[in-house]
Amino acid sequence: MQIALDQVSLIYRDGTMPVSGLSLTIPAGQFCAVLGRSGAGKSSLLRLLGGIAAPTHGSASIDGTPLTPSMPRALRKRIGQVHQDGALVGEASVAENIVAGAAASMPLWRALSGLYPAWARERAVALHLELGLDPAFLGAPVSRPSGGQQQRVGVARALMLEPALVLADEPVASVDPDTARQVLSVLAAHRTRLGATVVCALHQPELACAFADRILVIDEGRLAFDGSPELYRRSHRVEAA
């Protein structure tokens, strides 16, 4: 899925502008890492790319379809999103939170009733294991595992429907370096296997350079850098991960 932003700005009701005059194209199949300090606009950019927020000015589209909260359901279910705060249901089990990623492919009544088909439950377990999570946690309330484990639950949920676009907002912020590489390896493998587009906001430049094809740096809502990992390493003196 190709993303296109043309002079996009996002202005919230309180007057803040986390995205300002941003223009870029992310081609289908690219792994794009977004870097920037906290508050620079990374999360807001991902909200725009996921159709959660609509541009205040300019236009944003995926494969020519406008990105808005009212975009077609058929398009929305092709987008997997990993939210920075997890957006998990604390009372539900780990397995229930993961399998909920398949809800967009089902009638609403089935999803609300928890009547997920066998394939969805099997995929939820497979993703749980692929991300290195303890099988003993599958039936436990999702509030029980650590913050880093909860982040991996969010990644598993986002990958349930094998999305053509993955938007990951700080998916490895609360895990150790080895686990961070494992999580990003899963996202990279998903991209390679399906030709999916991955846009991942990170705080670790060395990981961004190790896994991404392209580095974007956002500063005060504007694009401060757009180039290859090699160019970013040289210009910012980043050591290999």
C-alpha atoms as a PDB file:
ATOM      1  CA  MET A   1       0.000   0.000   0.000  1.00  0.00           C
ATOM      2  CA  GLN A   2       1.404   3.370  -1.024  1.00  0.00           C
ATOM      3  CA  ILE A   3       0.954   6.350   1.276  1.00  0.00           C
ATOM      4  CA  ALA A   4       0.866   9.903  -0.045  1.00  0.00           C
ATOM      5  CA  LEU A   5       0.773  13.091   2.031  1.00  0.00           C
ATOM      6  CA  ASP A   6       0.505  16.466   0.317  1.00  0.00           C
ATOM      7  CA  GLN A   7       1.085  19.564   2.477  1.00  0.00           C
ATOM      8  CA  VAL A   8      -0.656  17.917   5.421  1.00  0.00           C
ATOM      9  CA  SER A   9      -1.194  19.795   8.661  1.00  0.00           C
ATOM     10  CA  LEU A  10      -3.055  18.613  11.747  1.00  0.00           C
ATOM     11  CA  ILE A  11      -4.357  21.173  14.221  1.00  0.00           C
ATOM     12  CA  TYR A  12      -6.030  20.088  17.447  1.00  0.00           C
ATOM     13  CA  ARG A  13      -8.836  22.002  19.152  1.00  0.00           C
ATOM     14  CA  ASP A  14      -6.426  23.559  21.648  1.00  0.00           C
ATOM     15  CA  GLY A  15      -4.505  25.102  18.745  1.00  0.00           C
ATOM     16  CA  THR A  16      -1.469  22.812  18.843  1.00  0.00           C
ATOM     17  CA  MET A  17      -0.144  21.727  15.458  1.00  0.00           C
ATOM     18  CA  PRO A  18       1.688  18.376  15.814  1.00  0.00           C
ATOM     19  CA  VAL A  19       1.986  17.982  12.022  1.00  0.00           C
ATOM     20  CA  SER A  20       2.771  20.993   9.859  1.00  0.00           C
ATOM     21  CA  GLY A  21       2.939  21.167   6.058  1.00  0.00           C
ATOM     22  CA  LEU A  22       4.187  17.599   5.649  1.00  0.00           C
ATOM     23  CA  SER A  23       4.588  16.144   2.153  1.00  0.00           C
ATOM     24  CA  LEU A  24       5.965  12.676   1.490  1.00  0.00           C
ATOM     25  CA  THR A  25       5.325   9.420  -0.335  1.00  0.00           C
ATOM     26  CA  ILE A  26       5.965   6.011   1.224  1.00  0.00           C
ATOM     27  CA  PRO A  27       5.935   3.340  -1.512  1.00  0.00           C
ATOM     28  CA  ALA A  28       4.358  -0.051  -1.050  1.00  0.00           C
ATOM     29  CA  GLY A  29       6.625  -2.578   0.636  1.00  0.00           C
ATOM     30  CA  GLN A  30       8.909  -0.089   2.355  1.00  0.00           C
ATOM     31  CA  PHE A  31       9.988  -0.365   6.008  1.00  0.00           C
ATOM     32  CA  CYS A  32      10.073   3.247   7.155  1.00  0.00           C
ATOM     33  CA  ALA A  33      11.292   4.248  10.628  1.00  0.00           C
ATOM     34  CA  VAL A  34      10.153   7.551  12.116  1.00  0.00           C
ATOM     35  CA  LEU A  35      12.500   9.149  14.657  1.00  0.00           C
ATOM     36  CA  GLY A  36      12.156  12.265  16.777  1.00  0.00           C
ATOM     37  CA  ARG A  37      12.077  13.421  20.360  1.00  0.00           C
ATOM     38  CA  SER A  38       8.944  12.990  22.487  1.00  0.00           C
ATOM     39  CA  GLY A  39       6.287  15.465  21.380  1.00  0.00           C
ATOM     40  CA  ALA A  40       7.825  15.963  17.941  1.00  0.00           C
ATOM     41  CA  GLY A  41       4.714  14.683  16.143  1.00  0.00           C
ATOM     42  CA  LYS A  42       5.465  10.986  15.510  1.00  0.00           C
ATOM     43  CA  SER A  43       2.293   9.653  17.129  1.00  0.00           C
ATOM     44  CA  SER A  44       0.145  12.272  15.425  1.00  0.00           C
ATOM     45  CA  LEU A  45       1.646  11.318  12.074  1.00  0.00           C
ATOM     46  CA  LEU A  46       0.736   7.678  12.673  1.00  0.00           C
ATOM     47  CA  ARG A  47      -2.802   8.699  13.666  1.00  0.00           C
ATOM     48  CA  LEU A  48      -3.104  10.435  10.299  1.00  0.00           C
ATOM     49  CA  LEU A  49      -1.725   7.432   8.424  1.00  0.00           C
ATOM     50  CA  GLY A  50      -4.205   5.142  10.182  1.00  0.00           C
ATOM     51  CA  GLY A  51      -7.204   7.322   9.426  1.00  0.00           C
ATOM     52  CA  ILE A  52      -7.814   7.980  13.126  1.00  0.00           C
ATOM     53  CA  ALA A  53      -7.390  11.714  12.561  1.00  0.00           C
ATOM     54  CA  ALA A  54      -8.203  13.641   9.390  1.00  0.00           C
ATOM     55  CA  PRO A  55      -5.870  16.334   8.055  1.00  0.00           C
ATOM     56  CA  THR A  56      -6.876  19.873   8.936  1.00  0.00           C
ATOM     57  CA  HIS A  57      -5.156  21.045   5.765  1.00  0.00           C
ATOM     58  CA  GLY A  58      -3.783  19.175   2.770  1.00  0.00           C
ATOM     59  CA  SER A  59      -4.566  15.627   1.681  1.00  0.00           C
ATOM     60  CA  ALA A  60      -3.567  12.135   2.804  1.00  0.00           C
ATOM     61  CA  SER A  61      -4.310   8.930   0.933  1.00  0.00           C
ATOM     62  CA  ILE A  62      -3.518   5.222   0.671  1.00  0.00           C
ATOM     63  CA  ASP A  63      -3.491   3.845  -2.861  1.00  0.00           C
ATOM     64  CA  GLY A  64      -5.514   6.903  -3.881  1.00  0.00           C
ATOM     65  CA  THR A  65      -8.215   6.525  -1.202  1.00  0.00           C
ATOM     66  CA  PRO A  66      -8.445   9.461   1.231  1.00  0.00           C
ATOM     67  CA  LEU A  67      -7.316   8.718   4.779  1.00  0.00           C
ATOM     68  CA  THR A  68     -10.136   9.795   7.096  1.00  0.00           C
ATOM     69  CA  PRO A  69     -12.023   8.303  10.059  1.00  0.00           C
ATOM     70  CA  SER A  70     -14.839   7.449   7.615  1.00  0.00           C
ATOM     71  CA  MET A  71     -12.668   5.530   5.127  1.00  0.00           C
ATOM     72  CA  PRO A  72     -14.143   2.216   3.879  1.00  0.00           C
ATOM     73  CA  ARG A  73     -14.101  -0.729   6.281  1.00  0.00           C
ATOM     74  CA  ALA A  74     -12.487  -2.883   3.582  1.00  0.00           C
ATOM     75  CA  LEU A  75      -9.493  -0.538   3.621  1.00  0.00           C
ATOM     76  CA  ARG A  76      -9.386  -0.152   7.393  1.00  0.00           C
ATOM     77  CA  LYS A  77      -9.072  -3.896   7.961  1.00  0.00           C
ATOM     78  CA  ARG A  78      -5.946  -3.920   5.781  1.00  0.00           C
ATOM     79  CA  ILE A  79      -4.228  -1.613   8.290  1.00  0.00           C
ATOM     80  CA  GLY A  80      -2.724  -3.043  11.470  1.00  0.00           C
ATOM     81  CA  GLN A  81      -2.000  -0.527  14.217  1.00  0.00           C
ATOM     82  CA  VAL A  82       0.180  -0.857  17.299  1.00  0.00           C
ATOM     83  CA  HIS A  83      -0.772   1.901  19.711  1.00  0.00           C
ATOM     84  CA  GLN A  84       1.757   3.474  22.043  1.00  0.00           C
ATOM     85  CA  ASP A  85      -0.501   2.999  25.078  1.00  0.00           C
ATOM     86  CA  GLY A  86      -1.382  -0.566  24.052  1.00  0.00           C
ATOM     87  CA  ALA A  87      -5.138   0.126  23.868  1.00  0.00           C
ATOM     88  CA  LEU A  88      -5.720  -3.298  25.420  1.00  0.00           C
ATOM     89  CA  VAL A  89      -8.819  -4.461  27.326  1.00  0.00           C
ATOM     90  CA  GLY A  90      -7.483  -5.056  30.825  1.00  0.00           C
ATOM     91  CA  GLU A  91     -10.259  -7.381  31.961  1.00  0.00           C
ATOM     92  CA  ALA A  92      -9.901  -9.635  28.922  1.00  0.00           C
ATOM     93  CA  SER A  93      -7.279 -12.363  28.596  1.00  0.00           C
ATOM     94  CA  VAL A  94      -4.103 -12.086  26.556  1.00  0.00           C
ATOM     95  CA  ALA A  95      -5.576 -14.476  23.975  1.00  0.00           C
ATOM     96  CA  GLU A  96      -8.822 -12.486  23.766  1.00  0.00           C
ATOM     97  CA  ASN A  97      -6.904  -9.255  23.218  1.00  0.00           C
ATOM     98  CA  ILE A  98      -4.835 -10.770  20.412  1.00  0.00           C
ATOM     99  CA  VAL A  99      -7.718 -12.483  18.628  1.00  0.00           C
ATOM    100  CA  ALA A 100      -9.669  -9.199  18.718  1.00  0.00           C
ATOM    101  CA  GLY A 101      -7.382  -8.090  15.904  1.00  0.00           C
ATOM    102  CA  ALA A 102      -9.528 -10.247  13.612  1.00  0.00           C
ATOM    103  CA  ALA A 103     -12.753  -8.405  14.537  1.00  0.00           C
ATOM    104  CA  ALA A 104     -12.696  -6.230  11.400  1.00  0.00           C
ATOM    105  CA  SER A 105     -13.119  -9.354   9.241  1.00  0.00           C
ATOM    106  CA  MET A 106     -16.278 -10.503  11.038  1.00  0.00           C
ATOM    107  CA  PRO A 107     -19.872  -9.367  11.577  1.00  0.00           C
ATOM    108  CA  LEU A 108     -20.031  -7.089  14.603  1.00  0.00           C
ATOM    109  CA  TRP A 109     -22.307  -9.426  16.548  1.00  0.00           C
ATOM    110  CA  ARG A 110     -19.793 -12.273  16.308  1.00  0.00           C
ATOM    111  CA  ALA A 111     -16.923 -10.103  17.481  1.00  0.00           C
ATOM    112  CA  LEU A 112     -18.954  -8.726  20.396  1.00  0.00           C
ATOM    113  CA  SER A 113     -19.931 -12.264  21.368  1.00  0.00           C
ATOM    114  CA  GLY A 114     -16.338 -13.476  21.192  1.00  0.00           C
ATOM    115  CA  LEU A 115     -17.299 -16.102  18.600  1.00  0.00           C
ATOM    116  CA  TYR A 116     -14.044 -16.102  16.704  1.00  0.00           C
ATOM    117  CA  PRO A 117     -13.389 -18.920  14.214  1.00  0.00           C
ATOM    118  CA  ALA A 118     -10.772 -21.594  14.825  1.00  0.00           C
ATOM    119  CA  TRP A 119      -8.308 -20.081  12.334  1.00  0.00           C
ATOM    120  CA  ALA A 120      -8.293 -16.797  14.265  1.00  0.00           C
ATOM    121  CA  ARG A 121      -7.657 -18.495  17.596  1.00  0.00           C
ATOM    122  CA  GLU A 122      -4.882 -20.611  16.088  1.00  0.00           C
ATOM    123  CA  ARG A 123      -3.238 -17.554  14.539  1.00  0.00           C
ATOM    124  CA  ALA A 124      -3.443 -15.694  17.847  1.00  0.00           C
ATOM    125  CA  VAL A 125      -1.533 -18.501  19.574  1.00  0.00           C
ATOM    126  CA  ALA A 126       1.045 -18.674  16.760  1.00  0.00           C
ATOM    127  CA  LEU A 127       1.720 -14.923  16.924  1.00  0.00           C
ATOM    128  CA  HIS A 128       1.930 -15.067  20.711  1.00  0.00           C
ATOM    129  CA  LEU A 129       4.687 -17.666  20.459  1.00  0.00           C
ATOM    130  CA  GLU A 130       6.455 -15.966  17.530  1.00  0.00           C
ATOM    131  CA  LEU A 131       6.849 -12.840  19.636  1.00  0.00           C
ATOM    132  CA  GLY A 132       8.445 -14.818  22.457  1.00  0.00           C
ATOM    133  CA  LEU A 133       5.560 -14.559  24.911  1.00  0.00           C
ATOM    134  CA  ASP A 134       5.052 -17.161  27.623  1.00  0.00           C
ATOM    135  CA  PRO A 135       2.252 -19.619  26.686  1.00  0.00           C
ATOM    136  CA  ALA A 136       1.195 -19.591  30.352  1.00  0.00           C
ATOM    137  CA  PHE A 137      -0.036 -16.010  29.895  1.00  0.00           C
ATOM    138  CA  LEU A 138      -2.547 -16.815  27.124  1.00  0.00           C
ATOM    139  CA  GLY A 139      -5.455 -17.314  29.517  1.00  0.00           C
ATOM    140  CA  ALA A 140      -4.353 -14.669  32.019  1.00  0.00           C
ATOM    141  CA  PRO A 141      -5.830 -11.148  32.203  1.00  0.00           C
ATOM    142  CA  VAL A 142      -3.756  -8.902  29.954  1.00  0.00           C
ATOM    143  CA  SER A 143      -3.164  -6.609  32.926  1.00  0.00           C
ATOM    144  CA  ARG A 144      -0.985  -9.294  34.555  1.00  0.00           C
ATOM    145  CA  PRO A 145       2.030  -9.383  32.159  1.00  0.00           C
ATOM    146  CA  SER A 146       4.657  -6.640  32.249  1.00  0.00           C
ATOM    147  CA  GLY A 147       4.466  -3.495  30.145  1.00  0.00           C
ATOM    148  CA  GLY A 148       6.892  -4.926  27.604  1.00  0.00           C
ATOM    149  CA  GLN A 149       4.858  -8.110  27.296  1.00  0.00           C
ATOM    150  CA  GLN A 150       1.709  -6.066  26.832  1.00  0.00           C
ATOM    151  CA  GLN A 151       3.403  -4.204  23.993  1.00  0.00           C
ATOM    152  CA  ARG A 152       4.044  -7.528  22.266  1.00  0.00           C
ATOM    153  CA  VAL A 153       0.386  -8.460  22.740  1.00  0.00           C
ATOM    154  CA  GLY A 154      -0.447  -5.248  20.864  1.00  0.00           C
ATOM    155  CA  VAL A 155       1.922  -6.197  18.042  1.00  0.00           C
ATOM    156  CA  ALA A 156       0.365  -9.660  17.782  1.00  0.00           C
ATOM    157  CA  ARG A 157      -3.133  -8.154  17.634  1.00  0.00           C
ATOM    158  CA  ALA A 158      -2.076  -5.763  14.850  1.00  0.00           C
ATOM    159  CA  LEU A 159      -0.759  -8.648  12.721  1.00  0.00           C
ATOM    160  CA  MET A 160      -3.832 -10.888  13.070  1.00  0.00           C
ATOM    161  CA  LEU A 161      -5.293 -10.112   9.630  1.00  0.00           C
ATOM    162  CA  GLU A 162      -1.911 -10.034   7.851  1.00  0.00           C
ATOM    163  CA  PRO A 163      -2.311  -6.318   7.067  1.00  0.00           C
ATOM    164  CA  ALA A 164      -0.887  -4.667   3.985  1.00  0.00           C
ATOM    165  CA  LEU A 165       0.088  -1.663   6.119  1.00  0.00           C
ATOM    166  CA  VAL A 166       1.477  -1.845   9.664  1.00  0.00           C
ATOM    167  CA  LEU A 167       1.665   1.324  11.752  1.00  0.00           C
ATOM    168  CA  ALA A 168       3.637   0.746  14.945  1.00  0.00           C
ATOM    169  CA  ASP A 169       3.937   3.520  17.518  1.00  0.00           C
ATOM    170  CA  GLU A 170       6.912   2.822  19.804  1.00  0.00           C
ATOM    171  CA  PRO A 171       6.385  -0.972  19.750  1.00  0.00           C
ATOM    172  CA  VAL A 172       9.642  -1.689  21.627  1.00  0.00           C
ATOM    173  CA  ALA A 173       9.753   1.187  24.106  1.00  0.00           C
ATOM    174  CA  SER A 174       9.419  -1.071  27.163  1.00  0.00           C
ATOM    175  CA  VAL A 175      11.486  -4.122  26.233  1.00  0.00           C
ATOM    176  CA  ASP A 176      15.141  -5.067  26.509  1.00  0.00           C
ATOM    177  CA  PRO A 177      17.433  -4.782  23.444  1.00  0.00           C
ATOM    178  CA  ASP A 178      17.279  -8.478  22.512  1.00  0.00           C
ATOM    179  CA  THR A 179      13.487  -8.536  22.689  1.00  0.00           C
ATOM    180  CA  ALA A 180      13.322  -5.291  20.717  1.00  0.00           C
ATOM    181  CA  ARG A 181      15.270  -6.921  17.910  1.00  0.00           C
ATOM    182  CA  GLN A 182      12.975  -9.964  18.048  1.00  0.00           C
ATOM    183  CA  VAL A 183       9.851  -7.791  17.743  1.00  0.00           C
ATOM    184  CA  LEU A 184      11.292  -5.752  14.868  1.00  0.00           C
ATOM    185  CA  SER A 185      12.423  -8.972  13.183  1.00  0.00           C
ATOM    186  CA  VAL A 186       8.807 -10.196  13.274  1.00  0.00           C
ATOM    187  CA  LEU A 187       7.640  -6.940  11.654  1.00  0.00           C
ATOM    188  CA  ALA A 188      10.410  -7.168   9.051  1.00  0.00           C
ATOM    189  CA  ALA A 189       9.508 -10.792   8.264  1.00  0.00           C
ATOM    190  CA  HIS A 190       5.848  -9.792   7.858  1.00  0.00           C
ATOM    191  CA  ARG A 191       6.921  -7.087   5.427  1.00  0.00           C
ATOM    192  CA  THR A 192       9.120  -9.483   3.441  1.00  0.00           C
ATOM    193  CA  ARG A 193       6.565 -12.281   3.263  1.00  0.00           C
ATOM    194  CA  LEU A 194       3.585 -10.159   2.220  1.00  0.00           C
ATOM    195  CA  GLY A 195       5.214  -7.134   0.606  1.00  0.00           C
ATOM    196  CA  ALA A 196       3.575  -5.043   3.330  1.00  0.00           C
ATOM    197  CA  THR A 197       4.397  -1.437   4.121  1.00  0.00           C
ATOM    198  CA  VAL A 198       5.666  -0.838   7.670  1.00  0.00           C
ATOM    199  CA  VAL A 199       5.860   2.572   9.334  1.00  0.00           C
ATOM    200  CA  CYS A 200       7.402   2.360  12.789  1.00  0.00           C
ATOM    201  CA  ALA A 201       7.995   5.182  15.266  1.00  0.00           C
ATOM    202  CA  LEU A 202      11.084   4.531  17.373  1.00  0.00           C
ATOM    203  CA  HIS A 203      13.349   6.207  19.895  1.00  0.00           C
ATOM    204  CA  GLN A 204      16.347   3.971  19.124  1.00  0.00           C
ATOM    205  CA  PRO A 205      18.277   5.226  16.050  1.00  0.00           C
ATOM    206  CA  GLU A 206      20.515   2.142  16.003  1.00  0.00           C
ATOM    207  CA  LEU A 207      17.473  -0.158  15.672  1.00  0.00           C
ATOM    208  CA  ALA A 208      15.921   2.084  13.037  1.00  0.00           C
ATOM    209  CA  CYS A 209      19.099   1.873  10.976  1.00  0.00           C
ATOM    210  CA  ALA A 210      19.299  -1.915  11.429  1.00  0.00           C
ATOM    211  CA  PHE A 211      15.765  -2.697  10.240  1.00  0.00           C
ATOM    212  CA  ALA A 212      14.436   0.155   8.100  1.00  0.00           C
ATOM    213  CA  ASP A 213      14.923   0.990   4.429  1.00  0.00           C
ATOM    214  CA  ARG A 214      14.291   4.653   5.100  1.00  0.00           C
ATOM    215  CA  ILE A 215      14.606   7.025   8.036  1.00  0.00           C
ATOM    216  CA  LEU A 216      12.308   9.980   8.637  1.00  0.00           C
ATOM    217  CA  VAL A 217      13.031  12.449  11.420  1.00  0.00           C
ATOM    218  CA  ILE A 218      10.145  14.602  12.638  1.00  0.00           C
ATOM    219  CA  ASP A 219      10.851  17.826  14.515  1.00  0.00           C
ATOM    220  CA  GLU A 220       8.016  20.091  15.658  1.00  0.00           C
ATOM    221  CA  GLY A 221       5.707  18.443  13.146  1.00  0.00           C
ATOM    222  CA  ARG A 222       8.006  19.014  10.182  1.00  0.00           C
ATOM    223  CA  LEU A 223      10.267  16.700   8.234  1.00  0.00           C
ATOM    224  CA  ALA A 224      13.839  17.319   9.415  1.00  0.00           C
ATOM    225  CA  PHE A 225      15.490  14.335   7.682  1.00  0.00           C
ATOM    226  CA  ASP A 226      14.466  11.904   4.949  1.00  0.00           C
ATOM    227  CA  GLY A 227      17.036   9.428   3.713  1.00  0.00           C
ATOM    228  CA  SER A 228      18.653   6.032   3.850  1.00  0.00           C
ATOM    229  CA  PRO A 229      19.916   4.400   7.061  1.00  0.00           C
ATOM    230  CA  GLU A 230      23.467   4.705   5.698  1.00  0.00           C
ATOM    231  CA  LEU A 231      23.105   8.467   5.228  1.00  0.00           C
ATOM    232  CA  TYR A 232      21.522   8.836   8.660  1.00  0.00           C
ATOM    233  CA  ARG A 233      24.352   6.850  10.285  1.00  0.00           C
ATOM    234  CA  ARG A 234      26.997   9.051   8.693  1.00  0.00           C
ATOM    235  CA  SER A 235      25.265  12.335   9.416  1.00  0.00           C
ATOM    236  CA  HIS A 236      24.278  11.477  12.992  1.00  0.00           C
ATOM    237  CA  ARG A 237      27.221   9.209  13.916  1.00  0.00           C
ATOM    238  CA  VAL A 238      25.058   6.232  14.835  1.00  0.00           C
ATOM    239  CA  GLU A 239      26.845   3.001  15.668  1.00  0.00           C
ATOM    240  CA  ALA A 240      25.568  -0.361  14.433  1.00  0.00           C
ATOM    241  CA  ALA A 241      23.083  -2.135  16.715  1.00  0.00           C
END
